[in-house]
């Protein structure tokens, strides 16, 4: 009977690792839109924009460029607002303004 109780716990433990959010890669630049695809960055983006005294509207969230400084939560720092377009540079490459 004990074996049946252990199986659900093992399955739950294995599945919980898939639920963890991804973090940005340290020392890379990311568009806000890219960060939103990478992980749960909405609130961090808003905090970084507020700290830089920038608006937190949709354009500023998606078209601003951020630096991934790392840490346990993938901390980010605001760099600049791209205005026209912020381009996803691809895996392991910096995003950039265009």
C-alpha atoms as a PDB file:
ATOM      1  CA  UNK A   1       0.000   0.000   0.000  1.00  0.00           C
ATOM      2  CA  UNK A   2       2.909   2.364   0.713  1.00  0.00           C
ATOM      3  CA  UNK A   3       4.172   2.072  -2.871  1.00  0.00           C
ATOM      4  CA  UNK A   4       0.917   3.510  -4.233  1.00  0.00           C
ATOM      5  CA  UNK A   5       1.226   6.587  -2.026  1.00  0.00           C
ATOM      6  CA  UNK A   6       4.774   7.300  -3.213  1.00  0.00           C
ATOM      7  CA  UNK A   7       3.931   7.212  -6.935  1.00  0.00           C
ATOM      8  CA  UNK A   8       1.662  10.321  -6.967  1.00  0.00           C
ATOM      9  CA  UNK A   9       4.295  12.251  -4.990  1.00  0.00           C
ATOM     10  CA  UNK A  10       7.023  11.321  -7.476  1.00  0.00           C
ATOM     11  CA  UNK A  11       4.856  12.386 -10.418  1.00  0.00           C
ATOM     12  CA  UNK A  12       4.006  15.678  -8.713  1.00  0.00           C
ATOM     13  CA  UNK A  13       7.680  16.402  -8.028  1.00  0.00           C
ATOM     14  CA  UNK A  14       8.621  15.707 -11.648  1.00  0.00           C
ATOM     15  CA  UNK A  15       5.879  17.944 -13.029  1.00  0.00           C
ATOM     16  CA  UNK A  16       6.665  20.839 -10.707  1.00  0.00           C
ATOM     17  CA  UNK A  17      10.054  21.327 -12.387  1.00  0.00           C
ATOM     18  CA  UNK A  18       8.262  22.096 -15.670  1.00  0.00           C
ATOM     19  CA  UNK A  19       6.170  24.802 -14.020  1.00  0.00           C
ATOM     20  CA  UNK A  20       9.188  26.890 -13.016  1.00  0.00           C
ATOM     21  CA  UNK A  21       9.529  30.150 -14.941  1.00  0.00           C
ATOM     22  CA  UNK A  22      12.552  30.689 -17.134  1.00  0.00           C
ATOM     23  CA  UNK A  23      14.953  33.539 -16.466  1.00  0.00           C
ATOM     24  CA  UNK A  24      16.834  35.759 -18.864  1.00  0.00           C
ATOM     25  CA  UNK A  25      20.484  34.959 -19.576  1.00  0.00           C
ATOM     26  CA  UNK A  26      22.972  37.128 -17.701  1.00  0.00           C
ATOM     27  CA  UNK A  27      24.664  39.964 -19.623  1.00  0.00           C
ATOM     28  CA  UNK A  28      22.237  39.851 -22.562  1.00  0.00           C
ATOM     29  CA  UNK A  29      19.911  42.657 -23.666  1.00  0.00           C
ATOM     30  CA  UNK A  30      16.229  41.858 -24.109  1.00  0.00           C
ATOM     31  CA  UNK A  31      13.223  43.636 -25.563  1.00  0.00           C
ATOM     32  CA  UNK A  32      10.288  43.710 -23.186  1.00  0.00           C
ATOM     33  CA  UNK A  33       8.295  41.576 -25.641  1.00  0.00           C
ATOM     34  CA  UNK A  34      11.048  38.952 -25.587  1.00  0.00           C
ATOM     35  CA  UNK A  35      11.133  38.918 -21.772  1.00  0.00           C
ATOM     36  CA  UNK A  36       7.386  38.324 -21.699  1.00  0.00           C
ATOM     37  CA  UNK A  37       7.915  35.247 -23.893  1.00  0.00           C
ATOM     38  CA  UNK A  38      10.900  34.029 -21.803  1.00  0.00           C
ATOM     39  CA  UNK A  39       9.125  34.042 -18.469  1.00  0.00           C
ATOM     40  CA  UNK A  40       6.869  35.851 -16.051  1.00  0.00           C
ATOM     41  CA  UNK A  41       8.462  39.297 -16.454  1.00  0.00           C
ATOM     42  CA  UNK A  42       5.433  41.598 -16.571  1.00  0.00           C
ATOM     43  CA  UNK A  43       5.811  42.992 -13.053  1.00  0.00           C
ATOM     44  CA  UNK A  44       9.639  43.214 -13.252  1.00  0.00           C
ATOM     45  CA  UNK A  45       9.357  45.187 -16.504  1.00  0.00           C
ATOM     46  CA  UNK A  46       6.837  47.560 -14.922  1.00  0.00           C
ATOM     47  CA  UNK A  47       9.091  48.021 -11.869  1.00  0.00           C
ATOM     48  CA  UNK A  48      12.149  48.726 -14.046  1.00  0.00           C
ATOM     49  CA  UNK A  49      10.185  51.275 -16.095  1.00  0.00           C
ATOM     50  CA  UNK A  50       8.875  52.993 -12.948  1.00  0.00           C
ATOM     51  CA  UNK A  51      12.383  53.111 -11.456  1.00  0.00           C
ATOM     52  CA  UNK A  52      13.572  54.848 -14.647  1.00  0.00           C
ATOM     53  CA  UNK A  53      10.585  57.258 -14.510  1.00  0.00           C
ATOM     54  CA  UNK A  54       9.185  55.906 -17.791  1.00  0.00           C
ATOM     55  CA  UNK A  55       5.559  55.182 -18.724  1.00  0.00           C
ATOM     56  CA  UNK A  56       4.247  51.649 -18.209  1.00  0.00           C
ATOM     57  CA  UNK A  57       1.942  51.522 -21.248  1.00  0.00           C
ATOM     58  CA  UNK A  58       1.979  48.616 -23.707  1.00  0.00           C
ATOM     59  CA  UNK A  59       4.465  50.241 -26.116  1.00  0.00           C
ATOM     60  CA  UNK A  60       6.988  50.945 -23.364  1.00  0.00           C
ATOM     61  CA  UNK A  61       6.573  47.445 -21.938  1.00  0.00           C
ATOM     62  CA  UNK A  62       7.132  45.689 -25.280  1.00  0.00           C
ATOM     63  CA  UNK A  63       9.478  48.098 -27.098  1.00  0.00           C
ATOM     64  CA  UNK A  64      11.928  48.951 -24.323  1.00  0.00           C
ATOM     65  CA  UNK A  65      15.351  47.364 -24.088  1.00  0.00           C
ATOM     66  CA  UNK A  66      16.455  45.794 -20.782  1.00  0.00           C
ATOM     67  CA  UNK A  67      19.736  44.358 -19.511  1.00  0.00           C
ATOM     68  CA  UNK A  68      19.664  41.000 -17.722  1.00  0.00           C
ATOM     69  CA  UNK A  69      21.795  41.430 -14.618  1.00  0.00           C
ATOM     70  CA  UNK A  70      20.959  37.940 -13.338  1.00  0.00           C
ATOM     71  CA  UNK A  71      20.291  36.839  -9.803  1.00  0.00           C
ATOM     72  CA  UNK A  72      17.845  34.190  -8.607  1.00  0.00           C
ATOM     73  CA  UNK A  73      14.860  35.893 -10.298  1.00  0.00           C
ATOM     74  CA  UNK A  74      16.596  37.013 -13.495  1.00  0.00           C
ATOM     75  CA  UNK A  75      16.734  40.681 -12.500  1.00  0.00           C
ATOM     76  CA  UNK A  76      16.586  43.265 -15.278  1.00  0.00           C
ATOM     77  CA  UNK A  77      17.558  46.917 -15.693  1.00  0.00           C
ATOM     78  CA  UNK A  78      15.950  49.421 -18.078  1.00  0.00           C
ATOM     79  CA  UNK A  79      18.279  50.632 -20.854  1.00  0.00           C
ATOM     80  CA  UNK A  80      16.196  52.585 -23.382  1.00  0.00           C
ATOM     81  CA  UNK A  81      12.901  52.920 -25.220  1.00  0.00           C
ATOM     82  CA  UNK A  82      13.267  51.809 -28.820  1.00  0.00           C
ATOM     83  CA  UNK A  83      10.367  53.825 -30.206  1.00  0.00           C
ATOM     84  CA  UNK A  84       9.958  52.300 -33.657  1.00  0.00           C
ATOM     85  CA  UNK A  85      10.915  48.705 -33.071  1.00  0.00           C
ATOM     86  CA  UNK A  86      12.747  46.440 -30.670  1.00  0.00           C
ATOM     87  CA  UNK A  87      14.184  43.406 -32.461  1.00  0.00           C
ATOM     88  CA  UNK A  88      14.641  39.916 -31.011  1.00  0.00           C
ATOM     89  CA  UNK A  89      18.266  39.015 -31.779  1.00  0.00           C
ATOM     90  CA  UNK A  90      17.631  35.273 -31.363  1.00  0.00           C
ATOM     91  CA  UNK A  91      18.809  32.734 -28.841  1.00  0.00           C
ATOM     92  CA  UNK A  92      22.024  33.734 -27.006  1.00  0.00           C
ATOM     93  CA  UNK A  93      22.225  37.078 -28.852  1.00  0.00           C
ATOM     94  CA  UNK A  94      21.382  40.595 -27.733  1.00  0.00           C
ATOM     95  CA  UNK A  95      18.086  42.147 -28.756  1.00  0.00           C
ATOM     96  CA  UNK A  96      18.398  45.661 -30.184  1.00  0.00           C
ATOM     97  CA  UNK A  97      16.549  48.808 -31.207  1.00  0.00           C
ATOM     98  CA  UNK A  98      15.864  49.435 -34.886  1.00  0.00           C
END
